[in-house]
Amino acid sequence: MLDVTISDTDLKEADGAWLITLSPEFCRNPVGIPQRKTVVDAAWVLGGKAIMVLLSDGSWGIWDPEGAGPRS
């Protein structure tokens, strides 16, 4: 699962501000300490409304904060 956090920053004040944080799921390293999977590559999809990511373990996901993709 991919976590999405959106700040409550007012858009007119957000010029150059950080508006959203997208975080991949956790995995365990050989020592057993949880850490986030590394994002290897990412690209805008759905006309710039979502982001497709490839993670270090070969899994992939789509961050769709606007709900632009098809509904399931």
PDB file of N, CA and C in Angstrom:
ATOM      1  N   MET A   1       0.843  -1.170   0.000  1.00  0.00           N
ATOM      2  CA  MET A   1       0.000   0.000   0.000  1.00  0.00           C
ATOM      3  C   MET A   1       0.890   1.235   0.000  1.00  0.00           C
ATOM      4  N   LEU A   2       0.471   2.262  -0.666  1.00  0.00           N
ATOM      5  CA  LEU A   2       1.205   3.517  -0.730  1.00  0.00           C
ATOM      6  C   LEU A   2       0.495   4.556   0.126  1.00  0.00           C
ATOM      7  N   ASP A   3       1.262   5.239   0.977  1.00  0.00           N
ATOM      8  CA  ASP A   3       0.700   6.263   1.855  1.00  0.00           C
ATOM      9  C   ASP A   3       0.685   7.601   1.144  1.00  0.00           C
ATOM     10  N   VAL A   4      -0.364   8.362   1.338  1.00  0.00           N
ATOM     11  CA  VAL A   4      -0.458   9.703   0.760  1.00  0.00           C
ATOM     12  C   VAL A   4      -0.784  10.686   1.878  1.00  0.00           C
ATOM     13  N   THR A   5      -0.012  11.756   1.964  1.00  0.00           N
ATOM     14  CA  THR A   5      -0.270  12.813   2.932  1.00  0.00           C
ATOM     15  C   THR A   5      -0.339  14.126   2.181  1.00  0.00           C
ATOM     16  N   ILE A   6      -1.430  14.857   2.335  1.00  0.00           N
ATOM     17  CA  ILE A   6      -1.586  16.148   1.670  1.00  0.00           C
ATOM     18  C   ILE A   6      -1.646  17.221   2.745  1.00  0.00           C
ATOM     19  N   SER A   7      -0.837  18.258   2.589  1.00  0.00           N
ATOM     20  CA  SER A   7      -0.830  19.320   3.592  1.00  0.00           C
ATOM     21  C   SER A   7      -2.062  20.197   3.434  1.00  0.00           C
ATOM     22  N   ASP A   8      -2.354  20.957   4.464  1.00  0.00           N
ATOM     23  CA  ASP A   8      -3.496  21.863   4.412  1.00  0.00           C
ATOM     24  C   ASP A   8      -3.072  23.273   4.010  1.00  0.00           C
ATOM     25  N   THR A   9      -1.902  23.373   3.369  1.00  0.00           N
ATOM     26  CA  THR A   9      -1.403  24.676   2.932  1.00  0.00           C
ATOM     27  C   THR A   9      -2.368  25.303   1.936  1.00  0.00           C
ATOM     28  N   ASP A  10      -2.693  26.554   2.129  1.00  0.00           N
ATOM     29  CA  ASP A  10      -3.566  27.276   1.209  1.00  0.00           C
ATOM     30  C   ASP A  10      -2.866  27.392  -0.142  1.00  0.00           C
ATOM     31  N   LEU A  11      -3.548  27.065  -1.234  1.00  0.00           N
ATOM     32  CA  LEU A  11      -2.923  27.043  -2.551  1.00  0.00           C
ATOM     33  C   LEU A  11      -2.336  28.384  -2.966  1.00  0.00           C
ATOM     34  N   LYS A  12      -2.972  29.485  -2.635  1.00  0.00           N
ATOM     35  CA  LYS A  12      -2.413  30.766  -3.058  1.00  0.00           C
ATOM     36  C   LYS A  12      -1.133  31.097  -2.299  1.00  0.00           C
ATOM     37  N   GLU A  13      -0.893  30.459  -1.148  1.00  0.00           N
ATOM     38  CA  GLU A  13       0.346  30.648  -0.403  1.00  0.00           C
ATOM     39  C   GLU A  13       1.357  29.557  -0.718  1.00  0.00           C
ATOM     40  N   ALA A  14       0.980  28.593  -1.546  1.00  0.00           N
ATOM     41  CA  ALA A  14       1.801  27.411  -1.758  1.00  0.00           C
ATOM     42  C   ALA A  14       2.806  27.551  -2.888  1.00  0.00           C
ATOM     43  N   ASP A  15       2.968  28.719  -3.435  1.00  0.00           N
ATOM     44  CA  ASP A  15       3.915  28.898  -4.524  1.00  0.00           C
ATOM     45  C   ASP A  15       5.308  28.493  -4.058  1.00  0.00           C
ATOM     46  N   GLY A  16       5.779  27.348  -4.531  1.00  0.00           N
ATOM     47  CA  GLY A  16       7.080  26.841  -4.132  1.00  0.00           C
ATOM     48  C   GLY A  16       7.059  26.048  -2.835  1.00  0.00           C
ATOM     49  N   ALA A  17       5.892  25.791  -2.270  1.00  0.00           N
ATOM     50  CA  ALA A  17       5.780  25.044  -1.020  1.00  0.00           C
ATOM     51  C   ALA A  17       5.564  23.558  -1.306  1.00  0.00           C
ATOM     52  N   TRP A  18       5.871  22.740  -0.324  1.00  0.00           N
ATOM     53  CA  TRP A  18       5.677  21.295  -0.414  1.00  0.00           C
ATOM     54  C   TRP A  18       4.210  21.004  -0.143  1.00  0.00           C
ATOM     55  N   LEU A  19       3.496  20.412  -1.102  1.00  0.00           N
ATOM     56  CA  LEU A  19       2.060  20.192  -0.961  1.00  0.00           C
ATOM     57  C   LEU A  19       1.675  18.758  -0.636  1.00  0.00           C
ATOM     58  N   ILE A  20       2.512  17.796  -1.029  1.00  0.00           N
ATOM     59  CA  ILE A  20       2.119  16.397  -0.880  1.00  0.00           C
ATOM     60  C   ILE A  20       3.355  15.542  -0.635  1.00  0.00           C
ATOM     61  N   THR A  21       3.197  14.513   0.175  1.00  0.00           N
ATOM     62  CA  THR A  21       4.260  13.546   0.418  1.00  0.00           C
ATOM     63  C   THR A  21       3.718  12.171   0.062  1.00  0.00           C
ATOM     64  N   LEU A  22       4.416  11.460  -0.799  1.00  0.00           N
ATOM     65  CA  LEU A  22       4.022  10.115  -1.199  1.00  0.00           C
ATOM     66  C   LEU A  22       5.088   9.153  -0.690  1.00  0.00           C
ATOM     67  N   SER A  23       4.695   8.146   0.074  1.00  0.00           N
ATOM     68  CA  SER A  23       5.651   7.230   0.683  1.00  0.00           C
ATOM     69  C   SER A  23       5.330   5.789   0.317  1.00  0.00           C
ATOM     70  N   PRO A  24       6.344   5.007  -0.103  1.00  0.00           N
ATOM     71  CA  PRO A  24       6.113   3.593  -0.398  1.00  0.00           C
ATOM     72  C   PRO A  24       5.948   2.796   0.895  1.00  0.00           C
ATOM     73  N   GLU A  25       5.509   1.548   0.747  1.00  0.00           N
ATOM     74  CA  GLU A  25       5.292   0.695   1.909  1.00  0.00           C
ATOM     75  C   GLU A  25       6.610   0.309   2.573  1.00  0.00           C
ATOM     76  N   PHE A  26       6.515  -0.308   3.732  1.00  0.00           N
ATOM     77  CA  PHE A  26       7.695  -0.734   4.473  1.00  0.00           C
ATOM     78  C   PHE A  26       8.128  -2.128   4.054  1.00  0.00           C
ATOM     79  N   CYS A  27       9.416  -2.414   4.203  1.00  0.00           N
ATOM     80  CA  CYS A  27       9.967  -3.754   4.049  1.00  0.00           C
ATOM     81  C   CYS A  27      10.973  -3.938   5.179  1.00  0.00           C
ATOM     82  N   ARG A  28      11.419  -5.160   5.384  1.00  0.00           N
ATOM     83  CA  ARG A  28      12.419  -5.411   6.426  1.00  0.00           C
ATOM     84  C   ARG A  28      13.769  -5.671   5.773  1.00  0.00           C
ATOM     85  N   ASN A  29      14.801  -5.079   6.332  1.00  0.00           N
ATOM     86  CA  ASN A  29      16.145  -5.339   5.825  1.00  0.00           C
ATOM     87  C   ASN A  29      16.691  -6.587   6.522  1.00  0.00           C
ATOM     88  N   PRO A  30      17.889  -7.075   6.140  1.00  0.00           N
ATOM     89  CA  PRO A  30      18.434  -8.306   6.730  1.00  0.00           C
ATOM     90  C   PRO A  30      18.574  -8.262   8.256  1.00  0.00           C
ATOM     91  N   VAL A  31      18.698  -7.089   8.835  1.00  0.00           N
ATOM     92  CA  VAL A  31      18.839  -6.963  10.283  1.00  0.00           C
ATOM     93  C   VAL A  31      17.465  -6.967  10.961  1.00  0.00           C
ATOM     94  N   GLY A  32      16.391  -6.867  10.196  1.00  0.00           N
ATOM     95  CA  GLY A  32      15.043  -6.889  10.741  1.00  0.00           C
ATOM     96  C   GLY A  32      14.464  -5.527  11.068  1.00  0.00           C
ATOM     97  N   ILE A  33      15.144  -4.468  10.674  1.00  0.00           N
ATOM     98  CA  ILE A  33      14.661  -3.118  10.941  1.00  0.00           C
ATOM     99  C   ILE A  33      13.765  -2.675   9.786  1.00  0.00           C
ATOM    100  N   PRO A  34      12.535  -2.250  10.071  1.00  0.00           N
ATOM    101  CA  PRO A  34      11.656  -1.790   8.988  1.00  0.00           C
ATOM    102  C   PRO A  34      12.208  -0.526   8.322  1.00  0.00           C
ATOM    103  N   GLN A  35      12.096  -0.481   7.018  1.00  0.00           N
ATOM    104  CA  GLN A  35      12.479   0.718   6.269  1.00  0.00           C
ATOM    105  C   GLN A  35      11.597   0.813   5.041  1.00  0.00           C
ATOM    106  N   ARG A  36      11.500   2.001   4.476  1.00  0.00           N
ATOM    107  CA  ARG A  36      10.688   2.202   3.272  1.00  0.00           C
ATOM    108  C   ARG A  36      11.386   1.577   2.066  1.00  0.00           C
ATOM    109  N   LYS A  37      10.595   1.007   1.153  1.00  0.00           N
ATOM    110  CA  LYS A  37      11.153   0.521  -0.108  1.00  0.00           C
ATOM    111  C   LYS A  37      11.652   1.726  -0.891  1.00  0.00           C
ATOM    112  N   THR A  38      12.720   1.538  -1.647  1.00  0.00           N
ATOM    113  CA  THR A  38      13.309   2.622  -2.424  1.00  0.00           C
ATOM    114  C   THR A  38      12.569   2.792  -3.747  1.00  0.00           C
ATOM    115  N   VAL A  39      12.264   4.024  -4.109  1.00  0.00           N
ATOM    116  CA  VAL A  39      11.657   4.323  -5.407  1.00  0.00           C
ATOM    117  C   VAL A  39      12.782   4.353  -6.438  1.00  0.00           C
ATOM    118  N   VAL A  40      12.715   3.448  -7.433  1.00  0.00           N
ATOM    119  CA  VAL A  40      13.734   3.351  -8.474  1.00  0.00           C
ATOM    120  C   VAL A  40      13.441   4.322  -9.609  1.00  0.00           C
ATOM    121  N   ASP A  41      12.167   4.436  -9.985  1.00  0.00           N
ATOM    122  CA  ASP A  41      11.774   5.331 -11.076  1.00  0.00           C
ATOM    123  C   ASP A  41      10.319   5.738 -10.863  1.00  0.00           C
ATOM    124  N   ALA A  42       9.967   6.869 -11.428  1.00  0.00           N
ATOM    125  CA  ALA A  42       8.591   7.363 -11.341  1.00  0.00           C
ATOM    126  C   ALA A  42       8.264   8.164 -12.592  1.00  0.00           C
ATOM    127  N   ALA A  43       6.996   8.140 -12.991  1.00  0.00           N
ATOM    128  CA  ALA A  43       6.568   8.893 -14.173  1.00  0.00           C
ATOM    129  C   ALA A  43       5.125   9.350 -13.978  1.00  0.00           C
ATOM    130  N   TRP A  44       4.825  10.538 -14.504  1.00  0.00           N
ATOM    131  CA  TRP A  44       3.452  11.045 -14.485  1.00  0.00           C
ATOM    132  C   TRP A  44       2.617  10.211 -15.445  1.00  0.00           C
ATOM    133  N   VAL A  45       1.391   9.864 -15.053  1.00  0.00           N
ATOM    134  CA  VAL A  45       0.447   9.137 -15.907  1.00  0.00           C
ATOM    135  C   VAL A  45      -0.926   9.796 -15.774  1.00  0.00           C
ATOM    136  N   LEU A  46      -1.878   9.340 -16.552  1.00  0.00           N
ATOM    137  CA  LEU A  46      -3.248   9.877 -16.530  1.00  0.00           C
ATOM    138  C   LEU A  46      -3.266  11.385 -16.726  1.00  0.00           C
ATOM    139  N   GLY A  47      -2.494  11.848 -17.699  1.00  0.00           N
ATOM    140  CA  GLY A  47      -2.475  13.271 -18.018  1.00  0.00           C
ATOM    141  C   GLY A  47      -1.909  14.139 -16.910  1.00  0.00           C
ATOM    142  N   GLY A  48      -0.971  13.592 -16.142  1.00  0.00           N
ATOM    143  CA  GLY A  48      -0.353  14.363 -15.069  1.00  0.00           C
ATOM    144  C   GLY A  48      -1.157  14.384 -13.782  1.00  0.00           C
ATOM    145  N   LYS A  49      -2.145  13.503 -13.653  1.00  0.00           N
ATOM    146  CA  LYS A  49      -2.979  13.480 -12.446  1.00  0.00           C
ATOM    147  C   LYS A  49      -2.590  12.374 -11.476  1.00  0.00           C
ATOM    148  N   ALA A  50      -1.690  11.472 -11.885  1.00  0.00           N
ATOM    149  CA  ALA A  50      -1.250  10.375 -11.025  1.00  0.00           C
ATOM    150  C   ALA A  50       0.216  10.078 -11.336  1.00  0.00           C
ATOM    151  N   ILE A  51       0.856   9.332 -10.447  1.00  0.00           N
ATOM    152  CA  ILE A  51       2.270   8.996 -10.608  1.00  0.00           C
ATOM    153  C   ILE A  51       2.421   7.487 -10.516  1.00  0.00           C
ATOM    154  N   MET A  52       3.065   6.873 -11.517  1.00  0.00           N
ATOM    155  CA  MET A  52       3.368   5.452 -11.490  1.00  0.00           C
ATOM    156  C   MET A  52       4.797   5.298 -10.996  1.00  0.00           C
ATOM    157  N   VAL A  53       5.016   4.395 -10.028  1.00  0.00           N
ATOM    158  CA  VAL A  53       6.345   4.217  -9.449  1.00  0.00           C
ATOM    159  C   VAL A  53       6.792   2.766  -9.542  1.00  0.00           C
ATOM    160  N   LEU A  54       8.104   2.585  -9.713  1.00  0.00           N
ATOM    161  CA  LEU A  54       8.739   1.274  -9.666  1.00  0.00           C
ATOM    162  C   LEU A  54       9.586   1.251  -8.408  1.00  0.00           C
ATOM    163  N   LEU A  55       9.382   0.228  -7.569  1.00  0.00           N
ATOM    164  CA  LEU A  55      10.108   0.121  -6.313  1.00  0.00           C
ATOM    165  C   LEU A  55      11.273  -0.853  -6.437  1.00  0.00           C
ATOM    166  N   SER A  56      12.205  -0.785  -5.499  1.00  0.00           N
ATOM    167  CA  SER A  56      13.452  -1.543  -5.559  1.00  0.00           C
ATOM    168  C   SER A  56      13.254  -3.055  -5.583  1.00  0.00           C
ATOM    169  N   ASP A  57      12.146  -3.558  -5.067  1.00  0.00           N
ATOM    170  CA  ASP A  57      11.916  -5.003  -5.073  1.00  0.00           C
ATOM    171  C   ASP A  57      11.168  -5.467  -6.326  1.00  0.00           C
ATOM    172  N   GLY A  58      10.976  -4.571  -7.288  1.00  0.00           N
ATOM    173  CA  GLY A  58      10.294  -4.911  -8.532  1.00  0.00           C
ATOM    174  C   GLY A  58       8.794  -4.654  -8.498  1.00  0.00           C
ATOM    175  N   SER A  59       8.246  -4.354  -7.338  1.00  0.00           N
ATOM    176  CA  SER A  59       6.816  -4.042  -7.282  1.00  0.00           C
ATOM    177  C   SER A  59       6.589  -2.632  -7.819  1.00  0.00           C
ATOM    178  N   TRP A  60       5.360  -2.345  -8.175  1.00  0.00           N
ATOM    179  CA  TRP A  60       5.035  -1.023  -8.706  1.00  0.00           C
ATOM    180  C   TRP A  60       3.686  -0.599  -8.144  1.00  0.00           C
ATOM    181  N   GLY A  61       3.420   0.662  -8.262  1.00  0.00           N
ATOM    182  CA  GLY A  61       2.152   1.179  -7.774  1.00  0.00           C
ATOM    183  C   GLY A  61       1.829   2.500  -8.440  1.00  0.00           C
ATOM    184  N   ILE A  62       0.597   2.927  -8.256  1.00  0.00           N
ATOM    185  CA  ILE A  62       0.161   4.211  -8.808  1.00  0.00           C
ATOM    186  C   ILE A  62      -0.380   5.058  -7.668  1.00  0.00           C
ATOM    187  N   TRP A  63       0.201   6.228  -7.485  1.00  0.00           N
ATOM    188  CA  TRP A  63      -0.323   7.212  -6.538  1.00  0.00           C
ATOM    189  C   TRP A  63      -1.326   8.047  -7.309  1.00  0.00           C
ATOM    190  N   ASP A  64      -2.564   8.005  -6.875  1.00  0.00           N
ATOM    191  CA  ASP A  64      -3.658   8.684  -7.567  1.00  0.00           C
ATOM    192  C   ASP A  64      -4.422   9.552  -6.567  1.00  0.00           C
ATOM    193  N   PRO A  65      -3.794  10.625  -6.067  1.00  0.00           N
ATOM    194  CA  PRO A  65      -4.430  11.428  -5.023  1.00  0.00           C
ATOM    195  C   PRO A  65      -5.710  12.132  -5.466  1.00  0.00           C
ATOM    196  N   GLU A  66      -5.886  12.351  -6.767  1.00  0.00           N
ATOM    197  CA  GLU A  66      -7.086  13.026  -7.262  1.00  0.00           C
ATOM    198  C   GLU A  66      -8.204  12.052  -7.607  1.00  0.00           C
ATOM    199  N   GLY A  67      -7.934  10.752  -7.514  1.00  0.00           N
ATOM    200  CA  GLY A  67      -8.945   9.765  -7.879  1.00  0.00           C
ATOM    201  C   GLY A  67      -9.263   9.790  -9.360  1.00  0.00           C
ATOM    202  N   ALA A  68      -8.244  10.036 -10.198  1.00  0.00           N
ATOM    203  CA  ALA A  68      -8.448  10.171 -11.638  1.00  0.00           C
ATOM    204  C   ALA A  68      -8.583   8.831 -12.354  1.00  0.00           C
ATOM    205  N   GLY A  69      -8.099   7.756 -11.743  1.00  0.00           N
ATOM    206  CA  GLY A  69      -8.130   6.444 -12.380  1.00  0.00           C
ATOM    207  C   GLY A  69      -9.510   5.809 -12.314  1.00  0.00           C
ATOM    208  N   PRO A  70      -9.656   4.636 -12.968  1.00  0.00           N
ATOM    209  CA  PRO A  70     -10.947   3.939 -12.958  1.00  0.00           C
ATOM    210  C   PRO A  70     -11.307   3.480 -11.544  1.00  0.00           C
ATOM    211  N   ARG A  71     -12.564   3.485 -11.248  1.00  0.00           N
ATOM    212  CA  ARG A  71     -13.049   3.047  -9.932  1.00  0.00           C
ATOM    213  C   ARG A  71     -13.159   1.527  -9.918  1.00  0.00           C
ATOM    214  N   SER A  72     -12.851   0.918  -8.779  1.00  0.00           N
ATOM    215  CA  SER A  72     -12.995  -0.543  -8.687  1.00  0.00           C
ATOM    216  C   SER A  72     -14.215  -0.917  -7.884  1.00  0.00           C
TER     217      SER A  72
END
